């Protein structure tokens, strides 16, 4: 059985970033993160005409949990940045979201 090391998530949005949805690409699972990263620009090019703005991200897959992931949680911000995570039920197991700065939480 071949393990998945990375998943390519491609999202298409309107120019205002108000309406976004996942776009299907020919290959979305990869044996290595490097393969996913190398394929990302080609995948974005393949779906460019399906949305006004396209963003893509490779998500690391823990081989020990690959059969347990049951959803992808994602959010595209108005600046076009994409936060995405693989999740098991309501437990987030991998995330590329950045931590808020101290001031962002209202802390001094």
PDB file of N, CA and C in Angstrom:
ATOM      1  N   UNK A   1       0.837  -1.174   0.000  1.00  0.00           N
ATOM      2  CA  UNK A   1       0.000   0.000   0.000  1.00  0.00           C
ATOM      3  C   UNK A   1       0.887   1.244   0.000  1.00  0.00           C
ATOM      4  N   UNK A   2       0.633   2.156  -0.936  1.00  0.00           N
ATOM      5  CA  UNK A   2       1.400   3.382  -1.032  1.00  0.00           C
ATOM      6  C   UNK A   2       0.805   4.441  -0.111  1.00  0.00           C
ATOM      7  N   UNK A   3       1.669   5.122   0.624  1.00  0.00           N
ATOM      8  CA  UNK A   3       1.200   6.155   1.542  1.00  0.00           C
ATOM      9  C   UNK A   3       1.168   7.509   0.855  1.00  0.00           C
ATOM     10  N   UNK A   4       0.258   8.339   1.327  1.00  0.00           N
ATOM     11  CA  UNK A   4       0.129   9.699   0.832  1.00  0.00           C
ATOM     12  C   UNK A   4       0.889  10.611   1.786  1.00  0.00           C
ATOM     13  N   UNK A   5       1.769  11.459   1.247  1.00  0.00           N
ATOM     14  CA  UNK A   5       2.539  12.378   2.080  1.00  0.00           C
ATOM     15  C   UNK A   5       2.019  13.804   1.991  1.00  0.00           C
ATOM     16  N   UNK A   6       1.306  14.111   0.891  1.00  0.00           N
ATOM     17  CA  UNK A   6       0.807  15.474   0.716  1.00  0.00           C
ATOM     18  C   UNK A   6      -0.457  15.472  -0.129  1.00  0.00           C
ATOM     19  N   UNK A   7      -1.315  16.435   0.157  1.00  0.00           N
ATOM     20  CA  UNK A   7      -2.568  16.624  -0.554  1.00  0.00           C
ATOM     21  C   UNK A   7      -2.566  18.030  -1.126  1.00  0.00           C
ATOM     22  N   UNK A   8      -2.890  18.169  -2.406  1.00  0.00           N
ATOM     23  CA  UNK A   8      -2.946  19.474  -3.051  1.00  0.00           C
ATOM     24  C   UNK A   8      -4.380  19.984  -2.998  1.00  0.00           C
ATOM     25  N   UNK A   9      -4.563  21.114  -2.331  1.00  0.00           N
ATOM     26  CA  UNK A   9      -5.868  21.763  -2.226  1.00  0.00           C
ATOM     27  C   UNK A   9      -5.849  22.987  -3.129  1.00  0.00           C
ATOM     28  N   UNK A  10      -6.822  23.072  -4.045  1.00  0.00           N
ATOM     29  CA  UNK A  10      -6.912  24.202  -4.966  1.00  0.00           C
ATOM     30  C   UNK A  10      -8.289  24.837  -4.784  1.00  0.00           C
ATOM     31  N   UNK A  11      -8.277  26.147  -4.540  1.00  0.00           N
ATOM     32  CA  UNK A  11      -9.505  26.896  -4.273  1.00  0.00           C
ATOM     33  C   UNK A  11      -9.652  27.992  -5.317  1.00  0.00           C
ATOM     34  N   UNK A  12     -10.869  28.140  -5.851  1.00  0.00           N
ATOM     35  CA  UNK A  12     -11.180  29.207  -6.791  1.00  0.00           C
ATOM     36  C   UNK A  12     -12.132  30.197  -6.148  1.00  0.00           C
ATOM     37  N   UNK A  13     -11.881  31.487  -6.372  1.00  0.00           N
ATOM     38  CA  UNK A  13     -12.688  32.549  -5.754  1.00  0.00           C
ATOM     39  C   UNK A  13     -13.039  33.629  -6.774  1.00  0.00           C
ATOM     40  N   UNK A  14     -14.037  34.414  -6.428  1.00  0.00           N
ATOM     41  CA  UNK A  14     -14.326  35.625  -7.176  1.00  0.00           C
ATOM     42  C   UNK A  14     -13.229  36.639  -6.847  1.00  0.00           C
ATOM     43  N   UNK A  15     -13.131  37.714  -7.615  1.00  0.00           N
ATOM     44  CA  UNK A  15     -12.101  38.730  -7.355  1.00  0.00           C
ATOM     45  C   UNK A  15     -12.217  39.330  -5.965  1.00  0.00           C
ATOM     46  N   UNK A  16     -13.437  39.431  -5.438  1.00  0.00           N
ATOM     47  CA  UNK A  16     -13.639  40.010  -4.105  1.00  0.00           C
ATOM     48  C   UNK A  16     -13.304  39.022  -2.991  1.00  0.00           C
ATOM     49  N   UNK A  17     -13.040  37.767  -3.350  1.00  0.00           N
ATOM     50  CA  UNK A  17     -12.747  36.689  -2.401  1.00  0.00           C
ATOM     51  C   UNK A  17     -13.960  36.357  -1.521  1.00  0.00           C
ATOM     52  N   UNK A  18     -15.131  36.840  -1.898  1.00  0.00           N
ATOM     53  CA  UNK A  18     -16.341  36.612  -1.101  1.00  0.00           C
ATOM     54  C   UNK A  18     -16.951  35.234  -1.360  1.00  0.00           C
ATOM     55  N   UNK A  19     -16.741  34.681  -2.544  1.00  0.00           N
ATOM     56  CA  UNK A  19     -17.330  33.394  -2.899  1.00  0.00           C
ATOM     57  C   UNK A  19     -16.209  32.474  -3.386  1.00  0.00           C
ATOM     58  N   UNK A  20     -15.911  31.436  -2.609  1.00  0.00           N
ATOM     59  CA  UNK A  20     -14.821  30.513  -2.936  1.00  0.00           C
ATOM     60  C   UNK A  20     -15.312  29.069  -2.869  1.00  0.00           C
ATOM     61  N   UNK A  21     -14.682  28.207  -3.658  1.00  0.00           N
ATOM     62  CA  UNK A  21     -15.019  26.784  -3.637  1.00  0.00           C
ATOM     63  C   UNK A  21     -13.806  25.973  -4.084  1.00  0.00           C
ATOM     64  N   UNK A  22     -13.788  24.710  -3.693  1.00  0.00           N
ATOM     65  CA  UNK A  22     -12.702  23.812  -4.082  1.00  0.00           C
ATOM     66  C   UNK A  22     -12.800  23.508  -5.571  1.00  0.00           C
ATOM     67  N   UNK A  23     -11.644  23.450  -6.216  1.00  0.00           N
ATOM     68  CA  UNK A  23     -11.567  23.095  -7.626  1.00  0.00           C
ATOM     69  C   UNK A  23     -10.907  21.719  -7.755  1.00  0.00           C
ATOM     70  N   UNK A  24     -11.415  20.922  -8.661  1.00  0.00           N
ATOM     71  CA  UNK A  24     -10.866  19.591  -8.899  1.00  0.00           C
ATOM     72  C   UNK A  24      -9.679  19.688  -9.845  1.00  0.00           C
ATOM     73  N   UNK A  25      -8.609  18.995  -9.501  1.00  0.00           N
ATOM     74  CA  UNK A  25      -7.419  18.936 -10.348  1.00  0.00           C
ATOM     75  C   UNK A  25      -7.145  17.471 -10.690  1.00  0.00           C
ATOM     76  N   UNK A  26      -6.445  17.213 -11.811  1.00  0.00           N
ATOM     77  CA  UNK A  26      -6.209  15.823 -12.221  1.00  0.00           C
ATOM     78  C   UNK A  26      -5.508  14.973 -11.161  1.00  0.00           C
ATOM     79  N   UNK A  27      -4.515  15.532 -10.482  1.00  0.00           N
ATOM     80  CA  UNK A  27      -3.793  14.795  -9.437  1.00  0.00           C
ATOM     81  C   UNK A  27      -3.803  15.644  -8.179  1.00  0.00           C
ATOM     82  N   UNK A  28      -4.288  15.070  -7.077  1.00  0.00           N
ATOM     83  CA  UNK A  28      -4.353  15.846  -5.835  1.00  0.00           C
ATOM     84  C   UNK A  28      -3.659  15.168  -4.655  1.00  0.00           C
ATOM     85  N   UNK A  29      -3.160  13.954  -4.830  1.00  0.00           N
ATOM     86  CA  UNK A  29      -2.436  13.258  -3.760  1.00  0.00           C
ATOM     87  C   UNK A  29      -1.043  12.887  -4.259  1.00  0.00           C
ATOM     88  N   UNK A  30      -0.060  12.983  -3.348  1.00  0.00           N
ATOM     89  CA  UNK A  30       1.325  12.796  -3.724  1.00  0.00           C
ATOM     90  C   UNK A  30       2.068  11.976  -2.695  1.00  0.00           C
ATOM     91  N   UNK A  31       3.071  11.240  -3.159  1.00  0.00           N
ATOM     92  CA  UNK A  31       3.887  10.408  -2.278  1.00  0.00           C
ATOM     93  C   UNK A  31       4.889  11.234  -1.480  1.00  0.00           C
ATOM     94  N   UNK A  32       5.236  12.424  -1.999  1.00  0.00           N
ATOM     95  CA  UNK A  32       6.161  13.302  -1.266  1.00  0.00           C
ATOM     96  C   UNK A  32       5.653  14.739  -1.321  1.00  0.00           C
ATOM     97  N   UNK A  33       6.052  15.524  -0.336  1.00  0.00           N
ATOM     98  CA  UNK A  33       5.690  16.942  -0.315  1.00  0.00           C
ATOM     99  C   UNK A  33       6.336  17.675  -1.487  1.00  0.00           C
ATOM    100  N   UNK A  34       7.562  17.282  -1.857  1.00  0.00           N
ATOM    101  CA  UNK A  34       8.250  17.921  -2.981  1.00  0.00           C
ATOM    102  C   UNK A  34       7.492  17.714  -4.299  1.00  0.00           C
ATOM    103  N   UNK A  35       6.926  16.524  -4.495  1.00  0.00           N
ATOM    104  CA  UNK A  35       6.132  16.269  -5.707  1.00  0.00           C
ATOM    105  C   UNK A  35       4.914  17.184  -5.744  1.00  0.00           C
ATOM    106  N   UNK A  36       4.279  17.364  -4.608  1.00  0.00           N
ATOM    107  CA  UNK A  36       3.109  18.237  -4.529  1.00  0.00           C
ATOM    108  C   UNK A  36       3.493  19.678  -4.857  1.00  0.00           C
ATOM    109  N   UNK A  37       4.570  20.141  -4.252  1.00  0.00           N
ATOM    110  CA  UNK A  37       5.036  21.504  -4.481  1.00  0.00           C
ATOM    111  C   UNK A  37       5.385  21.730  -5.950  1.00  0.00           C
ATOM    112  N   UNK A  38       6.008  20.748  -6.572  1.00  0.00           N
ATOM    113  CA  UNK A  38       6.377  20.857  -7.983  1.00  0.00           C
ATOM    114  C   UNK A  38       5.142  20.896  -8.886  1.00  0.00           C
ATOM    115  N   UNK A  39       4.101  20.175  -8.532  1.00  0.00           N
ATOM    116  CA  UNK A  39       2.892  20.097  -9.354  1.00  0.00           C
ATOM    117  C   UNK A  39       1.975  21.307  -9.168  1.00  0.00           C
ATOM    118  N   UNK A  40       2.067  21.977  -8.030  1.00  0.00           N
ATOM    119  CA  UNK A  40       1.141  23.068  -7.694  1.00  0.00           C
ATOM    120  C   UNK A  40       0.994  24.121  -8.798  1.00  0.00           C
ATOM    121  N   UNK A  41       2.059  24.689  -9.373  1.00  0.00           N
ATOM    122  CA  UNK A  41       1.848  25.711 -10.406  1.00  0.00           C
ATOM    123  C   UNK A  41       1.152  25.172 -11.657  1.00  0.00           C
ATOM    124  N   UNK A  42       1.405  23.915 -11.995  1.00  0.00           N
ATOM    125  CA  UNK A  42       0.746  23.320 -13.156  1.00  0.00           C
ATOM    126  C   UNK A  42      -0.743  23.113 -12.889  1.00  0.00           C
ATOM    127  N   UNK A  43      -1.067  22.680 -11.680  1.00  0.00           N
ATOM    128  CA  UNK A  43      -2.475  22.480 -11.307  1.00  0.00           C
ATOM    129  C   UNK A  43      -3.224  23.807 -11.324  1.00  0.00           C
ATOM    130  N   UNK A  44      -2.600  24.850 -10.810  1.00  0.00           N
ATOM    131  CA  UNK A  44      -3.221  26.180 -10.821  1.00  0.00           C
ATOM    132  C   UNK A  44      -3.449  26.622 -12.261  1.00  0.00           C
ATOM    133  N   UNK A  45      -2.487  26.386 -13.128  1.00  0.00           N
ATOM    134  CA  UNK A  45      -2.648  26.729 -14.538  1.00  0.00           C
ATOM    135  C   UNK A  45      -3.775  25.963 -15.202  1.00  0.00           C
ATOM    136  N   UNK A  46      -3.951  24.696 -14.816  1.00  0.00           N
ATOM    137  CA  UNK A  46      -5.009  23.861 -15.401  1.00  0.00           C
ATOM    138  C   UNK A  46      -6.411  24.383 -15.087  1.00  0.00           C
ATOM    139  N   UNK A  47      -6.589  25.027 -13.931  1.00  0.00           N
ATOM    140  CA  UNK A  47      -7.931  25.467 -13.516  1.00  0.00           C
ATOM    141  C   UNK A  47      -8.098  26.981 -13.573  1.00  0.00           C
ATOM    142  N   UNK A  48      -7.110  27.688 -14.085  1.00  0.00           N
ATOM    143  CA  UNK A  48      -7.114  29.151 -14.087  1.00  0.00           C
ATOM    144  C   UNK A  48      -8.418  29.742 -14.639  1.00  0.00           C
ATOM    145  N   UNK A  49      -8.978  29.198 -15.683  1.00  0.00           N
ATOM    146  CA  UNK A  49     -10.194  29.735 -16.277  1.00  0.00           C
ATOM    147  C   UNK A  49     -11.473  29.425 -15.503  1.00  0.00           C
ATOM    148  N   UNK A  50     -11.395  28.614 -14.458  1.00  0.00           N
ATOM    149  CA  UNK A  50     -12.589  28.230 -13.701  1.00  0.00           C
ATOM    150  C   UNK A  50     -12.956  29.213 -12.600  1.00  0.00           C
ATOM    151  N   UNK A  51     -12.066  30.160 -12.312  1.00  0.00           N
ATOM    152  CA  UNK A  51     -12.329  31.145 -11.264  1.00  0.00           C
ATOM    153  C   UNK A  51     -11.491  32.388 -11.537  1.00  0.00           C
ATOM    154  N   UNK A  52     -11.919  33.515 -10.990  1.00  0.00           N
ATOM    155  CA  UNK A  52     -11.192  34.759 -11.187  1.00  0.00           C
ATOM    156  C   UNK A  52      -9.887  34.786 -10.398  1.00  0.00           C
ATOM    157  N   UNK A  53      -9.871  34.126  -9.256  1.00  0.00           N
ATOM    158  CA  UNK A  53      -8.674  34.076  -8.416  1.00  0.00           C
ATOM    159  C   UNK A  53      -8.507  32.632  -7.950  1.00  0.00           C
ATOM    160  N   UNK A  54      -7.302  32.072  -8.122  1.00  0.00           N
ATOM    161  CA  UNK A  54      -7.045  30.691  -7.733  1.00  0.00           C
ATOM    162  C   UNK A  54      -5.881  30.662  -6.747  1.00  0.00           C
ATOM    163  N   UNK A  55      -6.072  29.945  -5.635  1.00  0.00           N
ATOM    164  CA  UNK A  55      -5.004  29.739  -4.660  1.00  0.00           C
ATOM    165  C   UNK A  55      -4.868  28.235  -4.422  1.00  0.00           C
ATOM    166  N   UNK A  56      -3.657  27.817  -4.094  1.00  0.00           N
ATOM    167  CA  UNK A  56      -3.409  26.388  -3.883  1.00  0.00           C
ATOM    168  C   UNK A  56      -2.386  26.212  -2.777  1.00  0.00           C
ATOM    169  N   UNK A  57      -2.505  25.104  -2.081  1.00  0.00           N
ATOM    170  CA  UNK A  57      -1.591  24.807  -0.980  1.00  0.00           C
ATOM    171  C   UNK A  57      -1.433  23.300  -0.868  1.00  0.00           C
ATOM    172  N   UNK A  58      -0.208  22.881  -0.578  1.00  0.00           N
ATOM    173  CA  UNK A  58       0.062  21.470  -0.300  1.00  0.00           C
ATOM    174  C   UNK A  58      -0.062  21.263   1.206  1.00  0.00           C
ATOM    175  N   UNK A  59      -0.841  20.276   1.597  1.00  0.00           N
ATOM    176  CA  UNK A  59      -1.036  19.956   3.009  1.00  0.00           C
ATOM    177  C   UNK A  59      -0.314  18.646   3.326  1.00  0.00           C
ATOM    178  N   UNK A  60       0.470  18.661   4.375  1.00  0.00           N
ATOM    179  CA  UNK A  60       1.174  17.448   4.799  1.00  0.00           C
ATOM    180  C   UNK A  60       0.174  16.437   5.347  1.00  0.00           C
ATOM    181  N   UNK A  61       0.378  15.184   5.000  1.00  0.00           N
ATOM    182  CA  UNK A  61      -0.478  14.095   5.469  1.00  0.00           C
ATOM    183  C   UNK A  61       0.361  13.178   6.347  1.00  0.00           C
ATOM    184  N   UNK A  62      -0.109  12.940   7.561  1.00  0.00           N
ATOM    185  CA  UNK A  62       0.561  12.003   8.457  1.00  0.00           C
ATOM    186  C   UNK A  62       0.175  10.598   8.000  1.00  0.00           C
ATOM    187  N   UNK A  63       1.125   9.784   7.512  1.00  0.00           N
ATOM    188  CA  UNK A  63       0.792   8.443   7.017  1.00  0.00           C
ATOM    189  C   UNK A  63       0.062   7.580   8.041  1.00  0.00           C
ATOM    190  N   UNK A  64       0.330   7.797   9.316  1.00  0.00           N
ATOM    191  CA  UNK A  64      -0.339   7.007  10.355  1.00  0.00           C
ATOM    192  C   UNK A  64      -1.821   7.369  10.467  1.00  0.00           C
ATOM    193  N   UNK A  65      -2.191   8.542   9.966  1.00  0.00           N
ATOM    194  CA  UNK A  65      -3.577   9.003  10.100  1.00  0.00           C
ATOM    195  C   UNK A  65      -4.289   9.155   8.766  1.00  0.00           C
ATOM    196  N   UNK A  66      -3.647   8.819   7.647  1.00  0.00           N
ATOM    197  CA  UNK A  66      -4.228   9.123   6.346  1.00  0.00           C
ATOM    198  C   UNK A  66      -5.626   8.529   6.135  1.00  0.00           C
ATOM    199  N   UNK A  67      -5.921   7.405   6.726  1.00  0.00           N
ATOM    200  CA  UNK A  67      -7.261   6.829   6.584  1.00  0.00           C
ATOM    201  C   UNK A  67      -8.268   7.451   7.544  1.00  0.00           C
ATOM    202  N   UNK A  68      -7.796   8.216   8.515  1.00  0.00           N
ATOM    203  CA  UNK A  68      -8.678   8.803   9.519  1.00  0.00           C
ATOM    204  C   UNK A  68      -9.159  10.208   9.169  1.00  0.00           C
ATOM    205  N   UNK A  69      -8.421  10.911   8.299  1.00  0.00           N
ATOM    206  CA  UNK A  69      -8.849  12.264   7.924  1.00  0.00           C
ATOM    207  C   UNK A  69     -10.216  12.192   7.278  1.00  0.00           C
ATOM    208  N   UNK A  70     -11.123  13.058   7.705  1.00  0.00           N
ATOM    209  CA  UNK A  70     -12.450  13.023   7.106  1.00  0.00           C
ATOM    210  C   UNK A  70     -12.907  14.367   6.547  1.00  0.00           C
ATOM    211  N   UNK A  71     -12.052  15.393   6.665  1.00  0.00           N
ATOM    212  CA  UNK A  71     -12.420  16.666   6.060  1.00  0.00           C
ATOM    213  C   UNK A  71     -11.212  17.584   5.957  1.00  0.00           C
ATOM    214  N   UNK A  72     -11.358  18.562   5.081  1.00  0.00           N
ATOM    215  CA  UNK A  72     -10.372  19.621   4.929  1.00  0.00           C
ATOM    216  C   UNK A  72     -11.055  20.906   5.360  1.00  0.00           C
ATOM    217  N   UNK A  73     -10.432  21.612   6.263  1.00  0.00           N
ATOM    218  CA  UNK A  73     -10.960  22.889   6.738  1.00  0.00           C
ATOM    219  C   UNK A  73     -10.112  23.977   6.097  1.00  0.00           C
ATOM    220  N   UNK A  74     -10.746  24.926   5.413  1.00  0.00           N
ATOM    221  CA  UNK A  74      -9.978  25.975   4.752  1.00  0.00           C
ATOM    222  C   UNK A  74     -10.693  27.309   4.821  1.00  0.00           C
ATOM    223  N   UNK A  75      -9.909  28.368   4.677  1.00  0.00           N
ATOM    224  CA  UNK A  75     -10.433  29.731   4.664  1.00  0.00           C
ATOM    225  C   UNK A  75      -9.524  30.577   3.782  1.00  0.00           C
ATOM    226  N   UNK A  76     -10.133  31.311   2.852  1.00  0.00           N
ATOM    227  CA  UNK A  76      -9.382  32.245   2.028  1.00  0.00           C
ATOM    228  C   UNK A  76      -9.668  33.642   2.569  1.00  0.00           C
ATOM    229  N   UNK A  77      -8.606  34.359   2.885  1.00  0.00           N
ATOM    230  CA  UNK A  77      -8.739  35.714   3.423  1.00  0.00           C
ATOM    231  C   UNK A  77      -8.866  36.715   2.279  1.00  0.00           C
ATOM    232  N   UNK A  78      -9.319  37.913   2.590  1.00  0.00           N
ATOM    233  CA  UNK A  78      -9.523  38.932   1.567  1.00  0.00           C
ATOM    234  C   UNK A  78      -8.229  39.318   0.856  1.00  0.00           C
ATOM    235  N   UNK A  79      -7.078  39.082   1.487  1.00  0.00           N
ATOM    236  CA  UNK A  79      -5.792  39.366   0.834  1.00  0.00           C
ATOM    237  C   UNK A  79      -5.344  38.228  -0.075  1.00  0.00           C
ATOM    238  N   UNK A  80      -6.144  37.173  -0.184  1.00  0.00           N
ATOM    239  CA  UNK A  80      -5.828  36.045  -1.061  1.00  0.00           C
ATOM    240  C   UNK A  80      -5.039  34.935  -0.403  1.00  0.00           C
ATOM    241  N   UNK A  81      -4.701  35.077   0.874  1.00  0.00           N
ATOM    242  CA  UNK A  81      -3.966  34.011   1.558  1.00  0.00           C
ATOM    243  C   UNK A  81      -4.929  32.879   1.939  1.00  0.00           C
ATOM    244  N   UNK A  82      -4.400  31.678   1.938  1.00  0.00           N
ATOM    245  CA  UNK A  82      -5.195  30.481   2.207  1.00  0.00           C
ATOM    246  C   UNK A  82      -4.682  29.798   3.465  1.00  0.00           C
ATOM    247  N   UNK A  83      -5.571  29.600   4.433  1.00  0.00           N
ATOM    248  CA  UNK A  83      -5.289  28.766   5.599  1.00  0.00           C
ATOM    249  C   UNK A  83      -6.032  27.458   5.376  1.00  0.00           C
ATOM    250  N   UNK A  84      -5.366  26.340   5.611  1.00  0.00           N
ATOM    251  CA  UNK A  84      -6.008  25.043   5.392  1.00  0.00           C
ATOM    252  C   UNK A  84      -5.459  24.012   6.351  1.00  0.00           C
ATOM    253  N   UNK A  85      -6.321  23.078   6.744  1.00  0.00           N
ATOM    254  CA  UNK A  85      -5.953  22.018   7.676  1.00  0.00           C
ATOM    255  C   UNK A  85      -6.668  20.734   7.296  1.00  0.00           C
ATOM    256  N   UNK A  86      -6.023  19.617   7.576  1.00  0.00           N
ATOM    257  CA  UNK A  86      -6.684  18.318   7.498  1.00  0.00           C
ATOM    258  C   UNK A  86      -7.230  18.034   8.885  1.00  0.00           C
ATOM    259  N   UNK A  87      -8.421  17.466   8.953  1.00  0.00           N
ATOM    260  CA  UNK A  87      -9.045  17.266  10.251  1.00  0.00           C
ATOM    261  C   UNK A  87      -9.633  15.868  10.377  1.00  0.00           C
ATOM    262  N   UNK A  88      -9.688  15.422  11.612  1.00  0.00           N
ATOM    263  CA  UNK A  88     -10.382  14.189  11.971  1.00  0.00           C
ATOM    264  C   UNK A  88     -11.521  14.626  12.869  1.00  0.00           C
ATOM    265  N   UNK A  89     -12.732  14.420  12.412  1.00  0.00           N
ATOM    266  CA  UNK A  89     -13.930  14.900  13.117  1.00  0.00           C
ATOM    267  C   UNK A  89     -13.734  16.364  13.464  1.00  0.00           C
ATOM    268  N   UNK A  90     -13.753  16.712  14.753  1.00  0.00           N
ATOM    269  CA  UNK A  90     -13.577  18.113  15.115  1.00  0.00           C
ATOM    270  C   UNK A  90     -12.172  18.401  15.605  1.00  0.00           C
ATOM    271  N   UNK A  91     -11.273  17.442  15.502  1.00  0.00           N
ATOM    272  CA  UNK A  91      -9.897  17.595  15.949  1.00  0.00           C
ATOM    273  C   UNK A  91      -9.010  17.989  14.775  1.00  0.00           C
ATOM    274  N   UNK A  92      -8.325  19.127  14.848  1.00  0.00           N
ATOM    275  CA  UNK A  92      -7.405  19.537  13.808  1.00  0.00           C
ATOM    276  C   UNK A  92      -6.075  18.847  14.060  1.00  0.00           C
ATOM    277  N   UNK A  93      -5.575  18.135  13.049  1.00  0.00           N
ATOM    278  CA  UNK A  93      -4.339  17.381  13.223  1.00  0.00           C
ATOM    279  C   UNK A  93      -3.169  17.966  12.452  1.00  0.00           C
ATOM    280  N   UNK A  94      -3.438  18.849  11.493  1.00  0.00           N
ATOM    281  CA  UNK A  94      -2.363  19.501  10.760  1.00  0.00           C
ATOM    282  C   UNK A  94      -2.870  20.857  10.315  1.00  0.00           C
ATOM    283  N   UNK A  95      -2.040  21.854  10.442  1.00  0.00           N
ATOM    284  CA  UNK A  95      -2.457  23.179  10.051  1.00  0.00           C
ATOM    285  C   UNK A  95      -1.271  23.978   9.568  1.00  0.00           C
ATOM    286  N   UNK A  96      -1.510  24.849   8.578  1.00  0.00           N
ATOM    287  CA  UNK A  96      -0.463  25.754   8.133  1.00  0.00           C
ATOM    288  C   UNK A  96      -0.788  27.184   8.536  1.00  0.00           C
ATOM    289  N   UNK A  97      -1.806  27.365   9.354  1.00  0.00           N
ATOM    290  CA  UNK A  97      -2.195  28.700   9.807  1.00  0.00           C
ATOM    291  C   UNK A  97      -1.099  29.272  10.704  1.00  0.00           C
ATOM    292  N   UNK A  98      -0.897  30.555  10.587  1.00  0.00           N
ATOM    293  CA  UNK A  98       0.090  31.202  11.432  1.00  0.00           C
ATOM    294  C   UNK A  98      -0.532  31.565  12.770  1.00  0.00           C
ATOM    295  N   UNK A  99       0.289  31.586  13.791  1.00  0.00           N
ATOM    296  CA  UNK A  99      -0.187  31.967  15.116  1.00  0.00           C
ATOM    297  C   UNK A  99      -0.385  33.469  15.154  1.00  0.00           C
ATOM    298  N   UNK A 100      -1.410  33.945  15.840  1.00  0.00           N
ATOM    299  CA  UNK A 100      -1.602  35.393  15.948  1.00  0.00           C
ATOM    300  C   UNK A 100      -0.489  36.013  16.780  1.00  0.00           C
ATOM    301  N   UNK A 101      -0.138  37.234  16.436  1.00  0.00           N
ATOM    302  CA  UNK A 101       0.839  37.978  17.211  1.00  0.00           C
ATOM    303  C   UNK A 101       0.215  38.368  18.544  1.00  0.00           C
ATOM    304  N   UNK A 102       1.039  38.699  19.525  1.00  0.00           N
ATOM    305  CA  UNK A 102       0.535  39.065  20.845  1.00  0.00           C
ATOM    306  C   UNK A 102      -0.542  40.141  20.773  1.00  0.00           C
ATOM    307  N   UNK A 103      -0.292  41.176  20.006  1.00  0.00           N
ATOM    308  CA  UNK A 103      -1.252  42.290  19.910  1.00  0.00           C
ATOM    309  C   UNK A 103      -2.557  41.890  19.271  1.00  0.00           C
ATOM    310  N   UNK A 104      -2.550  40.843  18.412  1.00  0.00           N
ATOM    311  CA  UNK A 104      -3.760  40.413  17.752  1.00  0.00           C
ATOM    312  C   UNK A 104      -4.773  39.815  18.716  1.00  0.00           C
ATOM    313  N   UNK A 105      -4.319  39.372  19.879  1.00  0.00           N
ATOM    314  CA  UNK A 105      -5.210  38.764  20.854  1.00  0.00           C
ATOM    315  C   UNK A 105      -5.627  39.773  21.933  1.00  0.00           C
ATOM    316  N   UNK A 106      -5.230  41.010  21.758  1.00  0.00           N
ATOM    317  CA  UNK A 106      -5.579  42.029  22.738  1.00  0.00           C
ATOM    318  C   UNK A 106      -4.689  41.969  23.971  1.00  0.00           C
ATOM    319  N   UNK A 107      -3.567  41.230  23.900  1.00  0.00           N
ATOM    320  CA  UNK A 107      -2.663  41.130  25.022  1.00  0.00           C
ATOM    321  C   UNK A 107      -1.606  42.217  24.914  1.00  0.00           C
ATOM    322  N   UNK A 108      -1.086  42.661  26.035  1.00  0.00           N
ATOM    323  CA  UNK A 108      -0.052  43.698  26.043  1.00  0.00           C
ATOM    324  C   UNK A 108       1.280  43.100  26.362  1.00  0.00           C
TER     325      UNK A 108
END
